[in-house]
Amino acid sequence: MEHQLWLSLQQRLRPLSTRFHPHCTYQDADIVRVYYWAVLHDRPTAWACDRRHWPPHARKGPLPSPSAMSRRLRSPAVLDLLRQLQSAVLGPQGDPPLLWLVDGKGLPIGGASGDRQAGYGKAAGGKAKGYKLHALVGADGSLPVWRVAPMNKDERVMARRLVRQAAIQGYLVGDSNFDDNRLHDVCLDKGELQLVTPRRYRHAKGLGHHRHSPGRLRCLEILDSPDPRLGRGLLRQRRAIERYFGNLTGFGGGLGPLPAWVRTHRRVQRWVQAKLIFNALRMRLRNQTYVA
């Protein structure tokens, strides 16, 4: 599978590598390949700069130095190429789905880490220090928008930013933590997007005396309808994002706790982006049907 993932990445990267820098020893695609070779093997970037860590058929030319990699990975041209690769791999491959799921996944680091951009917040099983991946996942497995934030950043705030950025419509499903009037208002402003979540305070009586978003009132109508099949069916689909995060971490080279060399927001964002791309490629390879 590792070899197939690498070939699939090369196929996706090749048509995007159209920019040529005549005065640069290494082109943008060369920098991306070296970095992704390190990410695929869960190793630091400097590890991939050593020719001994590449297969014989890939040792045709010199490799950039770690300092050149650090400098070029921050250049606008390479960042633009990474954004194009992300859009080509993570975006919907056909018509966008009408069901979307929102949630966050903790990315813990060691408590003794000196990373000042990380934060303490809720994680699986308690509190942890690190970052969190916030994502909108489509029913087809596409991932049009996502962000990385410190662990203590409110998921509802990040969800509002994701919805404003995403070009989606239909139903957006989340857990009770996303039962927020301001998030409902953002979905309402998008047009043709209905947020559906369980009530945050499910044992509360009535709605109180505060203003409620028309989107939230519509959500309660869907869930409290005499025919609850629509609401219950939508809430059952919420488990799909848990399966997505499980698949993201459940293979060699997947997205687990951040390694010691992935610190500060910029490096974490780039590392997570590569892991998301590899996971999307793996899911497509797994779903392919081979004919003898």
Protein backbone atom coordinates (compact mmCIF):
# COMPACT_ATOMS: atom_id res chain seq x y z
CA MET A 1 0.00 0.00 0.00
CA GLU A 2 2.89 2.38 0.69
CA HIS A 3 4.17 1.98 -2.86
CA GLN A 4 0.68 2.48 -4.29
CA LEU A 5 0.16 5.60 -2.16
CA TRP A 6 3.40 7.08 -3.44
CA LEU A 7 2.54 6.37 -7.07
CA SER A 8 -0.92 7.85 -6.59
CA LEU A 9 0.58 10.99 -5.09
CA GLN A 10 2.98 11.31 -8.01
CA GLN A 11 0.11 11.04 -10.46
CA ARG A 12 -1.83 13.79 -8.67
CA LEU A 13 1.21 16.05 -8.36
CA ARG A 14 2.52 15.74 -11.92
CA PRO A 15 -0.20 17.78 -13.74
CA LEU A 16 0.00 20.52 -11.08
CA SER A 17 3.76 21.02 -11.46
CA THR A 18 3.59 23.50 -14.32
CA ARG A 19 5.69 26.31 -12.87
CA PHE A 20 9.40 26.19 -13.72
CA HIS A 21 12.09 28.17 -11.91
CA PRO A 22 15.14 28.38 -14.20
CA HIS A 23 17.45 29.65 -11.47
CA CYS A 24 16.49 27.03 -8.85
CA THR A 25 18.25 23.69 -8.53
CA TYR A 26 15.07 22.11 -7.15
CA GLN A 27 11.61 22.79 -8.50
CA ASP A 28 8.54 23.19 -6.32
CA ALA A 29 7.41 19.63 -7.01
CA ASP A 30 10.81 18.30 -5.89
CA ILE A 31 10.41 20.03 -2.52
CA VAL A 32 6.89 18.64 -2.10
CA ARG A 33 8.02 15.11 -2.98
CA VAL A 34 10.84 15.12 -0.44
CA TYR A 35 8.56 16.42 2.31
CA TYR A 36 5.80 13.93 1.53
CA TRP A 37 8.31 11.08 1.48
CA ALA A 38 9.17 12.00 5.07
CA VAL A 39 5.51 12.30 6.11
CA LEU A 40 4.60 8.98 4.52
CA HIS A 41 7.25 7.26 6.67
CA ASP A 42 6.58 9.35 9.82
CA ARG A 43 10.08 10.78 9.78
CA PRO A 44 11.53 14.32 10.04
CA THR A 45 12.19 16.25 6.86
CA ALA A 46 15.96 15.90 7.35
CA TRP A 47 15.55 12.11 7.16
CA ALA A 48 14.16 12.39 3.61
CA CYS A 49 17.12 14.57 2.57
CA ASP A 50 19.42 11.55 2.91
CA ARG A 51 19.71 9.48 -0.29
CA ARG A 52 20.15 6.29 1.77
CA HIS A 53 16.49 6.50 2.78
CA TRP A 54 15.20 6.37 -0.77
CA PRO A 55 14.76 3.25 -2.93
CA PRO A 56 17.46 2.67 -5.58
CA HIS A 57 15.22 3.63 -8.51
CA ALA A 58 14.55 7.06 -6.91
CA ARG A 59 18.20 8.02 -6.33
CA LYS A 60 18.70 9.61 -9.73
CA GLY A 61 19.71 13.07 -8.58
CA PRO A 62 20.80 15.08 -5.55
CA LEU A 63 18.38 15.92 -2.79
CA PRO A 64 17.87 19.35 -1.20
CA SER A 65 19.47 20.05 2.15
CA PRO A 66 17.35 20.38 5.32
CA SER A 67 17.94 24.15 5.34
CA ALA A 68 16.78 24.42 1.70
CA MET A 69 13.69 22.37 2.55
CA SER A 70 12.86 24.61 5.50
CA ARG A 71 13.22 27.73 3.37
CA ARG A 72 11.36 26.48 0.30
CA LEU A 73 8.45 24.93 2.21
CA ARG A 74 7.57 28.44 3.37
CA SER A 75 7.80 30.01 -0.10
CA PRO A 76 4.56 31.24 -1.73
CA ALA A 77 5.09 29.04 -4.80
CA VAL A 78 5.33 25.82 -2.78
CA LEU A 79 2.43 26.81 -0.54
CA ASP A 80 0.33 27.46 -3.65
CA LEU A 81 1.26 24.04 -5.04
CA LEU A 82 0.26 22.39 -1.76
CA ARG A 83 -3.10 24.19 -1.86
CA GLN A 84 -3.69 22.99 -5.42
CA LEU A 85 -2.83 19.41 -4.42
CA GLN A 86 -5.16 19.61 -1.44
CA SER A 87 -8.02 20.90 -3.58
CA ALA A 88 -7.48 18.19 -6.20
CA VAL A 89 -7.39 15.34 -3.67
CA LEU A 90 -9.69 16.41 -0.83
CA GLY A 91 -12.39 18.23 -2.77
CA PRO A 92 -15.56 16.53 -4.07
CA GLN A 93 -14.86 14.44 -7.17
CA GLY A 94 -18.37 14.81 -8.59
CA ASP A 95 -21.52 16.63 -7.55
CA PRO A 96 -21.17 17.92 -3.96
CA PRO A 97 -23.19 15.88 -1.45
CA LEU A 98 -26.15 17.29 0.44
CA LEU A 99 -25.09 15.85 3.81
CA TRP A 100 -22.13 17.31 5.70
CA LEU A 101 -20.68 16.49 9.10
CA VAL A 102 -18.73 18.73 11.47
CA ASP A 103 -16.48 17.70 14.34
CA GLY A 104 -13.00 18.07 15.82
CA LYS A 105 -10.17 15.66 16.52
CA GLY A 106 -7.53 16.28 19.17
CA LEU A 107 -3.84 16.20 18.24
CA PRO A 108 -2.04 15.90 21.58
CA ILE A 109 1.61 16.65 22.26
CA GLY A 110 3.73 16.07 25.34
CA GLY A 111 2.85 18.13 28.38
CA ALA A 112 6.48 19.22 28.77
CA SER A 113 6.65 20.65 25.24
CA GLY A 114 7.72 24.26 24.95
CA ASP A 115 5.40 24.96 22.00
CA ARG A 116 3.79 28.26 22.96
CA GLN A 117 1.21 28.07 20.18
CA ALA A 118 -0.33 24.87 21.56
CA GLY A 119 -3.09 25.00 24.16
CA TYR A 120 -4.71 22.92 26.90
CA GLY A 121 -8.21 21.73 26.16
CA LYS A 122 -10.64 18.84 26.06
CA ALA A 123 -9.44 15.68 24.36
CA ALA A 124 -10.50 12.03 24.34
CA GLY A 125 -10.46 10.80 27.93
CA GLY A 126 -9.77 14.15 29.58
CA LYS A 127 -7.64 17.21 28.95
CA ALA A 128 -4.43 17.42 26.95
CA LYS A 129 -2.00 19.88 25.49
CA GLY A 130 -1.75 20.27 21.73
CA TYR A 131 -3.85 21.17 18.73
CA LYS A 132 -7.17 20.14 17.27
CA LEU A 133 -8.25 19.37 13.72
CA HIS A 134 -11.62 20.95 12.87
CA ALA A 135 -13.21 19.58 9.71
CA LEU A 136 -16.30 19.57 7.51
CA VAL A 137 -16.59 16.11 5.98
CA GLY A 138 -18.99 15.28 3.17
CA ALA A 139 -21.06 12.13 2.95
CA ASP A 140 -18.84 11.13 0.01
CA GLY A 141 -15.67 11.41 2.14
CA SER A 142 -14.61 14.76 0.66
CA LEU A 143 -13.04 17.38 2.90
CA PRO A 144 -13.53 20.83 1.33
CA VAL A 145 -12.48 22.87 4.38
CA TRP A 146 -10.56 22.16 7.56
CA ARG A 147 -8.46 24.05 10.05
CA VAL A 148 -5.96 23.38 12.83
CA ALA A 149 -6.25 25.39 16.04
CA PRO A 150 -4.91 25.15 19.59
CA MET A 151 -6.65 22.52 21.69
CA ASN A 152 -8.45 25.12 23.81
CA LYS A 153 -10.16 26.84 20.87
CA ASP A 154 -13.96 26.54 21.03
CA GLU A 155 -15.26 24.06 18.46
CA ARG A 156 -18.32 26.23 17.79
CA VAL A 157 -16.16 29.22 16.90
CA MET A 158 -14.12 27.10 14.50
CA ALA A 159 -17.30 25.59 13.01
CA ARG A 160 -18.60 29.07 12.21
CA ARG A 161 -15.36 29.87 10.38
CA LEU A 162 -15.51 26.61 8.43
CA VAL A 163 -19.11 27.17 7.35
CA ARG A 164 -18.38 30.72 6.19
CA GLN A 165 -15.51 29.40 4.08
CA ALA A 166 -17.26 26.34 2.62
CA ALA A 167 -19.43 26.36 -0.49
CA ILE A 168 -21.95 23.77 0.74
CA GLN A 169 -25.68 23.31 0.96
CA GLY A 170 -28.07 20.71 2.33
CA TYR A 171 -27.81 19.43 5.90
CA LEU A 172 -24.93 19.96 8.34
CA VAL A 173 -24.97 17.48 11.23
CA GLY A 174 -23.00 17.71 14.47
CA ASP A 175 -23.19 16.60 18.09
CA SER A 176 -24.90 18.59 20.85
CA ASN A 177 -21.82 20.75 21.38
CA PHE A 178 -22.65 22.52 18.08
CA ASP A 179 -26.17 23.47 19.21
CA ASP A 180 -25.37 27.17 19.04
CA ASN A 181 -27.60 30.01 17.87
CA ARG A 182 -24.72 31.89 16.25
CA LEU A 183 -23.73 28.80 14.27
CA HIS A 184 -27.36 28.40 13.20
CA ASP A 185 -27.33 32.04 12.02
CA VAL A 186 -24.18 31.45 9.96
CA CYS A 187 -25.79 28.42 8.31
CA LEU A 188 -28.92 30.46 7.66
CA ASP A 189 -26.86 33.21 6.01
CA LYS A 190 -25.31 30.62 3.66
CA GLY A 191 -28.74 29.81 2.28
CA GLU A 192 -30.08 26.29 1.79
CA LEU A 193 -27.99 24.93 4.66
CA GLN A 194 -29.74 23.50 7.73
CA LEU A 195 -27.78 22.65 10.87
CA VAL A 196 -29.13 19.60 12.71
CA THR A 197 -27.84 18.77 16.20
CA PRO A 198 -29.29 17.26 19.37
CA ARG A 199 -30.30 19.79 22.02
CA ARG A 200 -27.33 20.84 24.11
CA TYR A 201 -29.46 20.81 27.25
CA ARG A 202 -31.72 17.93 26.39
CA HIS A 203 -33.54 17.92 29.74
CA ALA A 204 -34.38 21.63 29.65
CA LYS A 205 -38.07 22.57 29.54
CA GLY A 206 -39.13 24.98 26.83
CA LEU A 207 -36.86 27.47 25.10
CA GLY A 208 -36.41 30.09 27.79
CA HIS A 209 -36.64 33.82 27.16
CA HIS A 210 -33.63 34.31 24.88
CA ARG A 211 -33.75 34.94 21.17
CA HIS A 212 -33.38 31.79 19.08
CA SER A 213 -32.17 31.59 15.53
CA PRO A 214 -34.83 30.61 12.97
CA GLY A 215 -32.41 27.85 11.95
CA ARG A 216 -32.40 26.42 15.47
CA LEU A 217 -36.19 26.54 15.68
CA ARG A 218 -36.33 24.69 12.37
CA CYS A 219 -33.86 22.12 13.73
CA LEU A 220 -36.08 21.51 16.77
CA GLU A 221 -39.10 21.08 14.49
CA ILE A 222 -37.23 18.42 12.51
CA LEU A 223 -36.18 16.53 15.64
CA ASP A 224 -39.52 16.86 17.46
CA SER A 225 -41.68 16.11 14.43
CA PRO A 226 -44.44 13.49 14.82
CA ASP A 227 -42.61 11.62 12.07
CA PRO A 228 -39.03 11.57 13.43
CA ARG A 229 -37.48 9.48 10.69
CA LEU A 230 -35.73 12.41 9.02
CA GLY A 231 -34.22 13.79 12.22
CA ARG A 232 -33.17 10.42 13.59
CA GLY A 233 -31.73 9.38 10.25
CA LEU A 234 -29.63 12.53 10.06
CA LEU A 235 -28.31 12.13 13.61
CA ARG A 236 -27.37 8.52 12.93
CA GLN A 237 -25.24 9.70 10.02
CA ARG A 238 -23.13 11.71 12.48
CA ARG A 239 -21.17 8.55 13.30
CA ALA A 240 -19.66 8.67 9.82
CA ILE A 241 -17.26 11.44 10.85
CA GLU A 242 -16.08 9.29 13.77
CA ARG A 243 -15.36 6.53 11.27
CA TYR A 244 -13.54 9.06 9.09
CA PHE A 245 -11.28 10.09 11.96
CA GLY A 246 -10.80 6.42 12.84
CA ASN A 247 -9.69 5.62 9.29
CA LEU A 248 -7.42 8.66 9.36
CA THR A 249 -5.48 7.20 12.27
CA GLY A 250 -5.91 3.47 11.65
CA PHE A 251 -3.13 2.72 9.16
CA GLY A 252 0.64 2.90 9.00
CA GLY A 253 1.53 6.49 8.26
CA GLY A 254 -1.82 7.77 9.53
CA LEU A 255 -2.46 10.83 11.66
CA GLY A 256 -1.68 9.95 15.27
CA PRO A 257 -0.32 12.02 18.15
CA LEU A 258 2.00 14.65 16.76
CA PRO A 259 5.67 13.55 16.73
CA ALA A 260 8.33 15.54 18.49
CA TRP A 261 9.52 17.33 15.34
CA VAL A 262 6.04 18.68 14.47
CA ARG A 263 5.63 21.78 16.61
CA THR A 264 4.19 25.29 16.10
CA HIS A 265 1.03 25.91 14.14
CA ARG A 266 2.71 26.23 10.74
CA ARG A 267 4.40 22.83 10.93
CA VAL A 268 1.33 21.14 12.40
CA GLN A 269 -0.88 22.53 9.63
CA ARG A 270 1.49 21.27 6.94
CA TRP A 271 1.86 17.84 8.57
CA VAL A 272 -1.90 17.38 8.97
CA GLN A 273 -2.48 18.48 5.38
CA ALA A 274 -0.14 15.75 4.12
CA LYS A 275 -1.79 13.11 6.31
CA LEU A 276 -5.26 14.09 5.07
CA ILE A 277 -4.09 13.83 1.46
CA PHE A 278 -2.52 10.41 2.00
CA ASN A 279 -5.67 9.15 3.72
CA ALA A 280 -7.89 10.35 0.86
CA LEU A 281 -5.63 8.62 -1.66
CA ARG A 282 -5.65 5.44 0.43
CA MET A 283 -9.45 5.39 0.62
CA ARG A 284 -9.71 5.70 -3.16
CA LEU A 285 -7.17 2.97 -3.73
CA ARG A 286 -9.06 0.73 -1.34
CA ASN A 287 -12.34 1.33 -3.16
CA GLN A 288 -10.92 0.62 -6.59
CA THR A 289 -11.96 -2.58 -8.37
CA TYR A 290 -9.17 -4.38 -10.16
CA VAL A 291 -10.04 -6.49 -13.17
CA ALA A 292 -7.66 -9.32 -14.04
